[in-house]
Amino acid sequence: MDEQQLRVLVDRILAEQRARTLMIVTPATGYRSEIAARLRQWESIRWEILACEGTEEELVVLDGIGQPVQWDGKLPTEWLDRFDQIVMPFLDFATLAEISLGVYHSPASQLCQYALMKGIPVFAFDYQCNPASELNQLVGLDRSQAMAARVVSQLAQVRALGMITGTLSQVEAAINGKDVAESESSELSKPSGYITLSDVKKRGVGTFTLQDNLTDLAAEYLREQQQS
Protein backbone atom coordinates (compact mmCIF):
# COMPACT_ATOMS: atom_id res chain seq x y z
CA MET A 1 0.00 0.00 0.00
CA ASP A 2 1.51 3.30 -1.09
CA GLU A 3 1.24 6.62 0.75
CA GLN A 4 -1.75 7.86 -1.24
CA GLN A 5 -3.73 4.68 -0.68
CA LEU A 6 -2.91 4.83 3.03
CA ARG A 7 -4.11 8.42 3.21
CA VAL A 8 -7.39 7.48 1.52
CA LEU A 9 -7.87 4.61 3.97
CA VAL A 10 -7.18 6.83 6.99
CA ASP A 11 -9.60 9.48 5.71
CA ARG A 12 -12.28 6.82 5.24
CA ILE A 13 -11.80 5.46 8.75
CA LEU A 14 -11.95 8.95 10.26
CA ALA A 15 -15.10 9.73 8.30
CA GLU A 16 -16.77 6.59 9.63
CA GLN A 17 -15.95 7.65 13.18
CA ARG A 18 -17.70 11.00 12.82
CA ALA A 19 -21.32 11.21 13.97
CA ARG A 20 -23.60 10.76 10.98
CA THR A 21 -25.83 13.80 11.24
CA LEU A 22 -28.90 14.84 9.28
CA MET A 23 -29.05 18.59 8.84
CA ILE A 24 -32.62 19.63 8.05
CA VAL A 25 -32.54 23.02 6.34
CA THR A 26 -35.60 25.26 6.59
CA PRO A 27 -35.93 28.87 5.35
CA ALA A 28 -34.08 31.48 7.41
CA THR A 29 -34.61 35.22 7.80
CA GLY A 30 -30.98 36.04 8.58
CA TYR A 31 -27.57 35.05 9.96
CA ARG A 32 -27.15 32.35 7.31
CA SER A 33 -23.46 32.90 6.56
CA GLU A 34 -22.48 33.36 10.22
CA ILE A 35 -24.15 30.10 11.25
CA ALA A 36 -22.72 28.24 8.26
CA ALA A 37 -19.21 29.44 9.13
CA ARG A 38 -19.53 27.96 12.62
CA LEU A 39 -20.89 24.66 11.31
CA ARG A 40 -17.84 24.27 9.08
CA GLN A 41 -15.73 24.12 12.25
CA TRP A 42 -17.60 21.10 13.66
CA GLU A 43 -15.11 18.54 12.41
CA SER A 44 -16.48 15.66 14.50
CA ILE A 45 -19.67 15.57 12.44
CA ARG A 46 -20.40 13.94 9.09
CA TRP A 47 -23.17 16.05 7.59
CA GLU A 48 -25.94 14.94 5.27
CA ILE A 49 -28.19 17.80 4.21
CA LEU A 50 -31.92 17.59 3.55
CA ALA A 51 -33.18 20.83 2.00
CA CYS A 52 -36.80 21.83 2.49
CA GLU A 53 -38.77 23.96 0.05
CA GLY A 54 -37.62 27.56 -0.36
CA THR A 55 -34.07 27.13 0.96
CA GLU A 56 -32.03 28.15 -2.07
CA GLU A 57 -30.23 30.97 -0.20
CA GLU A 58 -29.41 28.69 2.72
CA LEU A 59 -27.93 26.03 0.45
CA VAL A 60 -25.59 28.57 -1.13
CA VAL A 61 -23.87 29.32 2.20
CA LEU A 62 -23.93 25.65 3.23
CA ASP A 63 -22.29 24.49 0.01
CA GLY A 64 -19.49 22.01 0.66
CA ILE A 65 -20.38 21.29 4.27
CA GLY A 66 -22.03 17.94 3.60
CA GLN A 67 -23.66 15.62 1.10
CA PRO A 68 -27.22 16.38 -0.07
CA VAL A 69 -29.84 13.69 0.61
CA GLN A 70 -33.42 13.18 -0.51
CA TRP A 71 -36.41 11.72 1.32
CA ASP A 72 -39.40 10.51 -0.67
CA GLY A 73 -41.80 10.95 2.25
CA LYS A 74 -42.17 7.21 2.83
CA LEU A 75 -41.11 5.00 5.74
CA PRO A 76 -39.57 7.74 7.92
CA THR A 77 -38.73 5.35 10.75
CA GLU A 78 -36.60 3.18 8.47
CA TRP A 79 -35.06 6.14 6.62
CA LEU A 80 -33.91 7.71 9.91
CA ASP A 81 -32.08 4.57 11.08
CA ARG A 82 -28.95 5.67 9.24
CA PHE A 83 -28.48 8.81 11.36
CA ASP A 84 -27.01 9.33 14.83
CA GLN A 85 -28.63 12.72 15.34
CA ILE A 86 -30.49 15.60 13.69
CA VAL A 87 -29.51 19.28 13.65
CA MET A 88 -31.78 22.12 12.51
CA PRO A 89 -29.66 25.25 12.08
CA PHE A 90 -32.58 27.49 11.10
CA LEU A 91 -35.58 26.26 13.10
CA ASP A 92 -38.38 28.60 12.01
CA PHE A 93 -41.69 29.60 13.59
CA ALA A 94 -43.79 27.40 11.30
CA THR A 95 -41.83 24.21 11.92
CA LEU A 96 -41.63 24.94 15.64
CA ALA A 97 -45.42 25.31 15.77
CA GLU A 98 -45.98 22.05 13.89
CA ILE A 99 -43.72 20.06 16.19
CA SER A 100 -45.12 21.59 19.38
CA LEU A 101 -48.70 20.89 18.26
CA GLY A 102 -48.00 17.40 16.94
CA VAL A 103 -48.77 18.33 13.33
CA TYR A 104 -47.18 16.13 10.63
CA HIS A 105 -47.38 18.47 7.67
CA SER A 106 -43.89 19.48 6.49
CA PRO A 107 -41.05 16.99 5.97
CA ALA A 108 -39.05 18.79 8.67
CA SER A 109 -41.71 18.37 11.35
CA GLN A 110 -42.42 14.78 10.33
CA LEU A 111 -38.79 13.68 10.53
CA CYS A 112 -38.13 15.54 13.78
CA GLN A 113 -41.13 13.98 15.50
CA TYR A 114 -40.37 10.48 14.26
CA ALA A 115 -36.75 10.94 15.37
CA LEU A 116 -37.86 11.98 18.86
CA MET A 117 -40.10 8.91 19.08
CA LYS A 118 -37.15 6.72 18.04
CA GLY A 119 -34.88 8.31 20.61
CA ILE A 120 -32.65 9.99 18.02
CA PRO A 121 -31.28 13.28 19.46
CA VAL A 122 -32.70 16.38 17.78
CA PHE A 123 -30.91 19.72 18.15
CA ALA A 124 -31.97 23.14 16.87
CA PHE A 125 -30.62 26.68 16.94
CA ASP A 126 -33.31 29.09 18.13
CA TYR A 127 -32.11 32.31 16.47
CA GLN A 128 -34.96 32.27 13.92
CA CYS A 129 -37.78 31.23 16.27
CA ASN A 130 -36.96 32.87 19.60
CA PRO A 131 -39.02 36.09 19.91
CA ALA A 132 -36.34 37.55 22.20
CA SER A 133 -33.51 37.08 19.72
CA GLU A 134 -31.78 40.08 18.21
CA LEU A 135 -32.72 38.84 14.75
CA ASN A 136 -36.44 38.86 15.49
CA GLN A 137 -36.17 42.21 17.22
CA LEU A 138 -34.52 43.67 14.11
CA VAL A 139 -37.33 42.47 11.83
CA GLY A 140 -40.02 43.64 14.25
CA LEU A 141 -41.35 40.28 15.43
CA ASP A 142 -41.07 41.09 19.13
CA ARG A 143 -43.88 43.64 19.39
CA SER A 144 -46.76 41.43 20.52
CA GLN A 145 -46.47 40.11 24.06
CA ALA A 146 -49.26 37.61 23.44
CA MET A 147 -47.58 36.14 20.37
CA ALA A 148 -44.20 36.10 22.09
CA ALA A 149 -45.71 34.22 25.01
CA ARG A 150 -47.21 31.66 22.65
CA VAL A 151 -43.87 31.06 20.93
CA VAL A 152 -42.06 30.76 24.27
CA SER A 153 -44.65 28.15 25.25
CA GLN A 154 -44.02 26.27 22.00
CA LEU A 155 -40.27 26.28 22.65
CA ALA A 156 -40.90 24.90 26.12
CA GLN A 157 -43.17 22.22 24.64
CA VAL A 158 -40.61 20.93 22.11
CA ARG A 159 -37.97 20.85 24.85
CA ALA A 160 -40.35 18.80 26.98
CA LEU A 161 -40.64 16.39 24.04
CA GLY A 162 -36.86 15.96 24.05
CA MET A 163 -35.60 18.47 21.48
CA ILE A 164 -32.57 20.48 22.57
CA THR A 165 -32.76 24.10 21.44
CA GLY A 166 -30.53 27.06 22.08
CA THR A 167 -27.58 29.00 20.76
CA LEU A 168 -24.69 27.65 18.73
CA SER A 169 -22.57 27.30 21.85
CA GLN A 170 -25.34 25.62 23.83
CA VAL A 171 -26.15 23.13 21.10
CA GLU A 172 -22.49 22.38 20.42
CA ALA A 173 -21.93 21.72 24.12
CA ALA A 174 -24.95 19.43 24.26
CA ILE A 175 -23.76 17.47 21.21
CA ASN A 176 -20.39 17.03 22.89
CA GLY A 177 -22.06 15.75 26.03
CA LYS A 178 -21.28 18.72 28.22
CA ASP A 179 -23.64 19.76 31.00
CA VAL A 180 -24.84 23.17 29.87
CA ALA A 181 -27.99 24.68 31.33
CA GLU A 182 -30.55 25.52 28.66
CA SER A 183 -31.84 29.06 28.51
CA GLU A 184 -35.19 30.41 27.41
CA SER A 185 -33.44 33.25 25.62
CA SER A 186 -31.04 33.20 22.71
CA GLU A 187 -27.37 34.13 22.80
CA LEU A 188 -28.36 37.05 20.60
CA SER A 189 -30.49 38.52 23.39
CA LYS A 190 -27.91 38.55 26.17
CA PRO A 191 -28.16 41.41 28.66
CA SER A 192 -26.47 44.75 28.17
CA GLY A 193 -22.71 44.47 28.25
CA TYR A 194 -22.61 41.98 25.38
CA ILE A 195 -21.80 43.24 21.90
CA THR A 196 -24.21 41.81 19.34
CA LEU A 197 -23.81 41.19 15.63
CA SER A 198 -26.01 44.21 14.97
CA ASP A 199 -23.66 46.39 17.06
CA VAL A 200 -20.61 45.24 15.09
CA LYS A 201 -22.27 45.85 11.72
CA LYS A 202 -23.59 49.24 12.81
CA ARG A 203 -20.36 50.60 14.34
CA GLY A 204 -17.87 48.85 12.06
CA VAL A 205 -15.50 45.93 12.54
CA GLY A 206 -12.58 48.25 13.28
CA THR A 207 -14.29 49.30 16.50
CA PHE A 208 -14.01 45.89 18.16
CA THR A 209 -11.55 43.04 18.77
CA LEU A 210 -12.14 39.35 19.49
CA GLN A 211 -11.23 40.05 23.11
CA ASP A 212 -14.36 42.18 23.54
CA ASN A 213 -17.52 40.78 25.14
CA LEU A 214 -19.06 39.54 21.88
CA THR A 215 -21.97 37.18 21.29
CA ASP A 216 -21.15 34.04 19.32
CA LEU A 217 -22.30 35.31 15.94
CA ALA A 218 -20.77 38.73 16.47
CA ALA A 219 -17.40 37.08 17.13
CA GLU A 220 -17.75 34.86 14.06
CA TYR A 221 -18.63 37.82 11.84
CA LEU A 222 -15.71 39.86 13.18
CA ARG A 223 -13.31 36.95 12.62
CA GLU A 224 -14.50 36.55 9.01
CA GLN A 225 -14.12 40.25 8.29
CA GLN A 226 -10.62 40.36 9.76
CA GLN A 227 -9.51 37.42 7.59
CA SER A 228 -10.94 38.80 4.35
C-alpha atoms as a PDB file:
ATOM      1  CA  MET A   1       0.000   0.000   0.000  1.00  0.00           C
ATOM      2  CA  ASP A   2       1.511   3.296  -1.091  1.00  0.00           C
ATOM      3  CA  GLU A   3       1.239   6.619   0.746  1.00  0.00           C
ATOM      4  CA  GLN A   4      -1.746   7.864  -1.241  1.00  0.00           C
ATOM      5  CA  GLN A   5      -3.731   4.678  -0.676  1.00  0.00           C
ATOM      6  CA  LEU A   6      -2.907   4.832   3.030  1.00  0.00           C
ATOM      7  CA  ARG A   7      -4.110   8.421   3.214  1.00  0.00           C
ATOM      8  CA  VAL A   8      -7.389   7.475   1.525  1.00  0.00           C
ATOM      9  CA  LEU A   9      -7.867   4.609   3.973  1.00  0.00           C
ATOM     10  CA  VAL A  10      -7.184   6.829   6.991  1.00  0.00           C
ATOM     11  CA  ASP A  11      -9.601   9.482   5.709  1.00  0.00           C
ATOM     12  CA  ARG A  12     -12.280   6.824   5.235  1.00  0.00           C
ATOM     13  CA  ILE A  13     -11.800   5.461   8.748  1.00  0.00           C
ATOM     14  CA  LEU A  14     -11.947   8.954  10.257  1.00  0.00           C
ATOM     15  CA  ALA A  15     -15.104   9.729   8.296  1.00  0.00           C
ATOM     16  CA  GLU A  16     -16.770   6.588   9.627  1.00  0.00           C
ATOM     17  CA  GLN A  17     -15.951   7.652  13.184  1.00  0.00           C
ATOM     18  CA  ARG A  18     -17.704  11.005  12.818  1.00  0.00           C
ATOM     19  CA  ALA A  19     -21.319  11.210  13.966  1.00  0.00           C
ATOM     20  CA  ARG A  20     -23.601  10.757  10.977  1.00  0.00           C
ATOM     21  CA  THR A  21     -25.832  13.805  11.245  1.00  0.00           C
ATOM     22  CA  LEU A  22     -28.904  14.835   9.284  1.00  0.00           C
ATOM     23  CA  MET A  23     -29.052  18.595   8.840  1.00  0.00           C
ATOM     24  CA  ILE A  24     -32.623  19.634   8.055  1.00  0.00           C
ATOM     25  CA  VAL A  25     -32.537  23.021   6.343  1.00  0.00           C
ATOM     26  CA  THR A  26     -35.600  25.257   6.591  1.00  0.00           C
ATOM     27  CA  PRO A  27     -35.931  28.868   5.347  1.00  0.00           C
ATOM     28  CA  ALA A  28     -34.082  31.483   7.414  1.00  0.00           C
ATOM     29  CA  THR A  29     -34.611  35.215   7.797  1.00  0.00           C
ATOM     30  CA  GLY A  30     -30.982  36.043   8.579  1.00  0.00           C
ATOM     31  CA  TYR A  31     -27.567  35.052   9.959  1.00  0.00           C
ATOM     32  CA  ARG A  32     -27.153  32.348   7.311  1.00  0.00           C
ATOM     33  CA  SER A  33     -23.457  32.895   6.564  1.00  0.00           C
ATOM     34  CA  GLU A  34     -22.475  33.361  10.218  1.00  0.00           C
ATOM     35  CA  ILE A  35     -24.147  30.104  11.251  1.00  0.00           C
ATOM     36  CA  ALA A  36     -22.722  28.236   8.261  1.00  0.00           C
ATOM     37  CA  ALA A  37     -19.213  29.440   9.131  1.00  0.00           C
ATOM     38  CA  ARG A  38     -19.529  27.959  12.620  1.00  0.00           C
ATOM     39  CA  LEU A  39     -20.890  24.663  11.311  1.00  0.00           C
ATOM     40  CA  ARG A  40     -17.843  24.266   9.078  1.00  0.00           C
ATOM     41  CA  GLN A  41     -15.733  24.122  12.247  1.00  0.00           C
ATOM     42  CA  TRP A  42     -17.600  21.103  13.664  1.00  0.00           C
ATOM     43  CA  GLU A  43     -15.109  18.542  12.411  1.00  0.00           C
ATOM     44  CA  SER A  44     -16.477  15.661  14.503  1.00  0.00           C
ATOM     45  CA  ILE A  45     -19.672  15.565  12.443  1.00  0.00           C
ATOM     46  CA  ARG A  46     -20.402  13.941   9.093  1.00  0.00           C
ATOM     47  CA  TRP A  47     -23.173  16.054   7.591  1.00  0.00           C
ATOM     48  CA  GLU A  48     -25.939  14.937   5.267  1.00  0.00           C
ATOM     49  CA  ILE A  49     -28.193  17.799   4.212  1.00  0.00           C
ATOM     50  CA  LEU A  50     -31.920  17.591   3.555  1.00  0.00           C
ATOM     51  CA  ALA A  51     -33.180  20.827   1.996  1.00  0.00           C
ATOM     52  CA  CYS A  52     -36.798  21.834   2.485  1.00  0.00           C
ATOM     53  CA  GLU A  53     -38.766  23.961   0.053  1.00  0.00           C
ATOM     54  CA  GLY A  54     -37.622  27.555  -0.357  1.00  0.00           C
ATOM     55  CA  THR A  55     -34.075  27.131   0.964  1.00  0.00           C
ATOM     56  CA  GLU A  56     -32.027  28.149  -2.073  1.00  0.00           C
ATOM     57  CA  GLU A  57     -30.230  30.971  -0.196  1.00  0.00           C
ATOM     58  CA  GLU A  58     -29.414  28.692   2.720  1.00  0.00           C
ATOM     59  CA  LEU A  59     -27.929  26.025   0.449  1.00  0.00           C
ATOM     60  CA  VAL A  60     -25.594  28.570  -1.131  1.00  0.00           C
ATOM     61  CA  VAL A  61     -23.865  29.322   2.197  1.00  0.00           C
ATOM     62  CA  LEU A  62     -23.927  25.646   3.229  1.00  0.00           C
ATOM     63  CA  ASP A  63     -22.288  24.489   0.009  1.00  0.00           C
ATOM     64  CA  GLY A  64     -19.487  22.013   0.659  1.00  0.00           C
ATOM     65  CA  ILE A  65     -20.378  21.289   4.274  1.00  0.00           C
ATOM     66  CA  GLY A  66     -22.025  17.941   3.597  1.00  0.00           C
ATOM     67  CA  GLN A  67     -23.659  15.621   1.103  1.00  0.00           C
ATOM     68  CA  PRO A  68     -27.223  16.376  -0.070  1.00  0.00           C
ATOM     69  CA  VAL A  69     -29.836  13.688   0.607  1.00  0.00           C
ATOM     70  CA  GLN A  70     -33.421  13.181  -0.509  1.00  0.00           C
ATOM     71  CA  TRP A  71     -36.408  11.716   1.323  1.00  0.00           C
ATOM     72  CA  ASP A  72     -39.402  10.509  -0.665  1.00  0.00           C
ATOM     73  CA  GLY A  73     -41.798  10.950   2.249  1.00  0.00           C
ATOM     74  CA  LYS A  74     -42.167   7.214   2.829  1.00  0.00           C
ATOM     75  CA  LEU A  75     -41.107   4.997   5.743  1.00  0.00           C
ATOM     76  CA  PRO A  76     -39.573   7.744   7.915  1.00  0.00           C
ATOM     77  CA  THR A  77     -38.728   5.348  10.753  1.00  0.00           C
ATOM     78  CA  GLU A  78     -36.596   3.184   8.468  1.00  0.00           C
ATOM     79  CA  TRP A  79     -35.056   6.136   6.625  1.00  0.00           C
ATOM     80  CA  LEU A  80     -33.911   7.707   9.908  1.00  0.00           C
ATOM     81  CA  ASP A  81     -32.084   4.572  11.076  1.00  0.00           C
ATOM     82  CA  ARG A  82     -28.946   5.666   9.242  1.00  0.00           C
ATOM     83  CA  PHE A  83     -28.480   8.809  11.360  1.00  0.00           C
ATOM     84  CA  ASP A  84     -27.009   9.326  14.826  1.00  0.00           C
ATOM     85  CA  GLN A  85     -28.629  12.723  15.340  1.00  0.00           C
ATOM     86  CA  ILE A  86     -30.487  15.603  13.688  1.00  0.00           C
ATOM     87  CA  VAL A  87     -29.508  19.282  13.654  1.00  0.00           C
ATOM     88  CA  MET A  88     -31.781  22.116  12.513  1.00  0.00           C
ATOM     89  CA  PRO A  89     -29.663  25.255  12.081  1.00  0.00           C
ATOM     90  CA  PHE A  90     -32.585  27.494  11.097  1.00  0.00           C
ATOM     91  CA  LEU A  91     -35.584  26.260  13.099  1.00  0.00           C
ATOM     92  CA  ASP A  92     -38.384  28.597  12.006  1.00  0.00           C
ATOM     93  CA  PHE A  93     -41.689  29.602  13.595  1.00  0.00           C
ATOM     94  CA  ALA A  94     -43.792  27.404  11.303  1.00  0.00           C
ATOM     95  CA  THR A  95     -41.826  24.208  11.919  1.00  0.00           C
ATOM     96  CA  LEU A  96     -41.628  24.942  15.639  1.00  0.00           C
ATOM     97  CA  ALA A  97     -45.421  25.314  15.765  1.00  0.00           C
ATOM     98  CA  GLU A  98     -45.980  22.053  13.893  1.00  0.00           C
ATOM     99  CA  ILE A  99     -43.720  20.059  16.191  1.00  0.00           C
ATOM    100  CA  SER A 100     -45.124  21.588  19.382  1.00  0.00           C
ATOM    101  CA  LEU A 101     -48.702  20.890  18.261  1.00  0.00           C
ATOM    102  CA  GLY A 102     -48.004  17.398  16.940  1.00  0.00           C
ATOM    103  CA  VAL A 103     -48.765  18.330  13.331  1.00  0.00           C
ATOM    104  CA  TYR A 104     -47.180  16.127  10.630  1.00  0.00           C
ATOM    105  CA  HIS A 105     -47.377  18.473   7.668  1.00  0.00           C
ATOM    106  CA  SER A 106     -43.892  19.485   6.494  1.00  0.00           C
ATOM    107  CA  PRO A 107     -41.045  16.991   5.971  1.00  0.00           C
ATOM    108  CA  ALA A 108     -39.053  18.786   8.674  1.00  0.00           C
ATOM    109  CA  SER A 109     -41.706  18.365  11.351  1.00  0.00           C
ATOM    110  CA  GLN A 110     -42.418  14.776  10.328  1.00  0.00           C
ATOM    111  CA  LEU A 111     -38.793  13.685  10.531  1.00  0.00           C
ATOM    112  CA  CYS A 112     -38.135  15.536  13.783  1.00  0.00           C
ATOM    113  CA  GLN A 113     -41.131  13.980  15.497  1.00  0.00           C
ATOM    114  CA  TYR A 114     -40.371  10.475  14.259  1.00  0.00           C
ATOM    115  CA  ALA A 115     -36.753  10.945  15.369  1.00  0.00           C
ATOM    116  CA  LEU A 116     -37.855  11.976  18.856  1.00  0.00           C
ATOM    117  CA  MET A 117     -40.103   8.912  19.082  1.00  0.00           C
ATOM    118  CA  LYS A 118     -37.154   6.723  18.039  1.00  0.00           C
ATOM    119  CA  GLY A 119     -34.875   8.309  20.615  1.00  0.00           C
ATOM    120  CA  ILE A 120     -32.646   9.992  18.020  1.00  0.00           C
ATOM    121  CA  PRO A 121     -31.285  13.280  19.459  1.00  0.00           C
ATOM    122  CA  VAL A 122     -32.705  16.384  17.778  1.00  0.00           C
ATOM    123  CA  PHE A 123     -30.909  19.723  18.147  1.00  0.00           C
ATOM    124  CA  ALA A 124     -31.974  23.137  16.870  1.00  0.00           C
ATOM    125  CA  PHE A 125     -30.618  26.684  16.943  1.00  0.00           C
ATOM    126  CA  ASP A 126     -33.306  29.092  18.128  1.00  0.00           C
ATOM    127  CA  TYR A 127     -32.112  32.306  16.468  1.00  0.00           C
ATOM    128  CA  GLN A 128     -34.965  32.274  13.923  1.00  0.00           C
ATOM    129  CA  CYS A 129     -37.782  31.226  16.272  1.00  0.00           C
ATOM    130  CA  ASN A 130     -36.963  32.872  19.600  1.00  0.00           C
ATOM    131  CA  PRO A 131     -39.024  36.086  19.905  1.00  0.00           C
ATOM    132  CA  ALA A 132     -36.342  37.554  22.198  1.00  0.00           C
ATOM    133  CA  SER A 133     -33.506  37.079  19.720  1.00  0.00           C
ATOM    134  CA  GLU A 134     -31.784  40.081  18.213  1.00  0.00           C
ATOM    135  CA  LEU A 135     -32.719  38.845  14.746  1.00  0.00           C
ATOM    136  CA  ASN A 136     -36.438  38.859  15.490  1.00  0.00           C
ATOM    137  CA  GLN A 137     -36.173  42.208  17.218  1.00  0.00           C
ATOM    138  CA  LEU A 138     -34.518  43.666  14.112  1.00  0.00           C
ATOM    139  CA  VAL A 139     -37.325  42.469  11.827  1.00  0.00           C
ATOM    140  CA  GLY A 140     -40.015  43.640  14.246  1.00  0.00           C
ATOM    141  CA  LEU A 141     -41.348  40.283  15.427  1.00  0.00           C
ATOM    142  CA  ASP A 142     -41.073  41.090  19.130  1.00  0.00           C
ATOM    143  CA  ARG A 143     -43.877  43.643  19.392  1.00  0.00           C
ATOM    144  CA  SER A 144     -46.755  41.432  20.522  1.00  0.00           C
ATOM    145  CA  GLN A 145     -46.469  40.106  24.061  1.00  0.00           C
ATOM    146  CA  ALA A 146     -49.263  37.609  23.441  1.00  0.00           C
ATOM    147  CA  MET A 147     -47.582  36.142  20.366  1.00  0.00           C
ATOM    148  CA  ALA A 148     -44.197  36.102  22.086  1.00  0.00           C
ATOM    149  CA  ALA A 149     -45.707  34.223  25.013  1.00  0.00           C
ATOM    150  CA  ARG A 150     -47.212  31.661  22.650  1.00  0.00           C
ATOM    151  CA  VAL A 151     -43.869  31.057  20.927  1.00  0.00           C
ATOM    152  CA  VAL A 152     -42.058  30.759  24.271  1.00  0.00           C
ATOM    153  CA  SER A 153     -44.651  28.154  25.251  1.00  0.00           C
ATOM    154  CA  GLN A 154     -44.017  26.271  22.000  1.00  0.00           C
ATOM    155  CA  LEU A 155     -40.269  26.284  22.646  1.00  0.00           C
ATOM    156  CA  ALA A 156     -40.904  24.900  26.115  1.00  0.00           C
ATOM    157  CA  GLN A 157     -43.165  22.220  24.639  1.00  0.00           C
ATOM    158  CA  VAL A 158     -40.607  20.925  22.110  1.00  0.00           C
ATOM    159  CA  ARG A 159     -37.970  20.846  24.849  1.00  0.00           C
ATOM    160  CA  ALA A 160     -40.354  18.798  26.981  1.00  0.00           C
ATOM    161  CA  LEU A 161     -40.642  16.392  24.039  1.00  0.00           C
ATOM    162  CA  GLY A 162     -36.858  15.963  24.054  1.00  0.00           C
ATOM    163  CA  MET A 163     -35.600  18.465  21.482  1.00  0.00           C
ATOM    164  CA  ILE A 164     -32.574  20.476  22.565  1.00  0.00           C
ATOM    165  CA  THR A 165     -32.762  24.099  21.441  1.00  0.00           C
ATOM    166  CA  GLY A 166     -30.529  27.061  22.082  1.00  0.00           C
ATOM    167  CA  THR A 167     -27.578  29.001  20.758  1.00  0.00           C
ATOM    168  CA  LEU A 168     -24.692  27.655  18.731  1.00  0.00           C
ATOM    169  CA  SER A 169     -22.565  27.304  21.848  1.00  0.00           C
ATOM    170  CA  GLN A 170     -25.336  25.617  23.832  1.00  0.00           C
ATOM    171  CA  VAL A 171     -26.152  23.128  21.103  1.00  0.00           C
ATOM    172  CA  GLU A 172     -22.491  22.382  20.416  1.00  0.00           C
ATOM    173  CA  ALA A 173     -21.927  21.721  24.123  1.00  0.00           C
ATOM    174  CA  ALA A 174     -24.945  19.434  24.256  1.00  0.00           C
ATOM    175  CA  ILE A 175     -23.758  17.468  21.206  1.00  0.00           C
ATOM    176  CA  ASN A 176     -20.387  17.030  22.888  1.00  0.00           C
ATOM    177  CA  GLY A 177     -22.062  15.754  26.031  1.00  0.00           C
ATOM    178  CA  LYS A 178     -21.278  18.721  28.223  1.00  0.00           C
ATOM    179  CA  ASP A 179     -23.640  19.762  31.002  1.00  0.00           C
ATOM    180  CA  VAL A 180     -24.836  23.169  29.868  1.00  0.00           C
ATOM    181  CA  ALA A 181     -27.994  24.680  31.332  1.00  0.00           C
ATOM    182  CA  GLU A 182     -30.548  25.515  28.657  1.00  0.00           C
ATOM    183  CA  SER A 183     -31.839  29.059  28.512  1.00  0.00           C
ATOM    184  CA  GLU A 184     -35.191  30.408  27.405  1.00  0.00           C
ATOM    185  CA  SER A 185     -33.441  33.255  25.615  1.00  0.00           C
ATOM    186  CA  SER A 186     -31.038  33.198  22.705  1.00  0.00           C
ATOM    187  CA  GLU A 187     -27.372  34.135  22.800  1.00  0.00           C
ATOM    188  CA  LEU A 188     -28.359  37.049  20.605  1.00  0.00           C
ATOM    189  CA  SER A 189     -30.485  38.518  23.389  1.00  0.00           C
ATOM    190  CA  LYS A 190     -27.911  38.551  26.165  1.00  0.00           C
ATOM    191  CA  PRO A 191     -28.156  41.410  28.661  1.00  0.00           C
ATOM    192  CA  SER A 192     -26.467  44.752  28.171  1.00  0.00           C
ATOM    193  CA  GLY A 193     -22.714  44.467  28.249  1.00  0.00           C
ATOM    194  CA  TYR A 194     -22.612  41.981  25.383  1.00  0.00           C
ATOM    195  CA  ILE A 195     -21.802  43.241  21.900  1.00  0.00           C
ATOM    196  CA  THR A 196     -24.206  41.810  19.343  1.00  0.00           C
ATOM    197  CA  LEU A 197     -23.811  41.187  15.634  1.00  0.00           C
ATOM    198  CA  SER A 198     -26.010  44.211  14.974  1.00  0.00           C
ATOM    199  CA  ASP A 199     -23.660  46.388  17.063  1.00  0.00           C
ATOM    200  CA  VAL A 200     -20.613  45.241  15.089  1.00  0.00           C
ATOM    201  CA  LYS A 201     -22.267  45.850  11.718  1.00  0.00           C
ATOM    202  CA  LYS A 202     -23.590  49.241  12.807  1.00  0.00           C
ATOM    203  CA  ARG A 203     -20.365  50.599  14.339  1.00  0.00           C
ATOM    204  CA  GLY A 204     -17.869  48.847  12.056  1.00  0.00           C
ATOM    205  CA  VAL A 205     -15.497  45.928  12.543  1.00  0.00           C
ATOM    206  CA  GLY A 206     -12.579  48.249  13.285  1.00  0.00           C
ATOM    207  CA  THR A 207     -14.289  49.304  16.498  1.00  0.00           C
ATOM    208  CA  PHE A 208     -14.013  45.885  18.161  1.00  0.00           C
ATOM    209  CA  THR A 209     -11.553  43.039  18.773  1.00  0.00           C
ATOM    210  CA  LEU A 210     -12.138  39.353  19.489  1.00  0.00           C
ATOM    211  CA  GLN A 211     -11.231  40.054  23.110  1.00  0.00           C
ATOM    212  CA  ASP A 212     -14.356  42.184  23.535  1.00  0.00           C
ATOM    213  CA  ASN A 213     -17.520  40.778  25.136  1.00  0.00           C
ATOM    214  CA  LEU A 214     -19.062  39.540  21.882  1.00  0.00           C
ATOM    215  CA  THR A 215     -21.966  37.183  21.290  1.00  0.00           C
ATOM    216  CA  ASP A 216     -21.145  34.040  19.318  1.00  0.00           C
ATOM    217  CA  LEU A 217     -22.303  35.310  15.937  1.00  0.00           C
ATOM    218  CA  ALA A 218     -20.769  38.731  16.473  1.00  0.00           C
ATOM    219  CA  ALA A 219     -17.400  37.079  17.128  1.00  0.00           C
ATOM    220  CA  GLU A 220     -17.752  34.864  14.055  1.00  0.00           C
ATOM    221  CA  TYR A 221     -18.632  37.819  11.842  1.00  0.00           C
ATOM    222  CA  LEU A 222     -15.711  39.862  13.176  1.00  0.00           C
ATOM    223  CA  ARG A 223     -13.315  36.954  12.623  1.00  0.00           C
ATOM    224  CA  GLU A 224     -14.496  36.548   9.009  1.00  0.00           C
ATOM    225  CA  GLN A 225     -14.119  40.248   8.290  1.00  0.00           C
ATOM    226  CA  GLN A 226     -10.617  40.364   9.762  1.00  0.00           C
ATOM    227  CA  GLN A 227      -9.509  37.424   7.594  1.00  0.00           C
ATOM    228  CA  SER A 228     -10.939  38.799   4.354  1.00  0.00           C
END
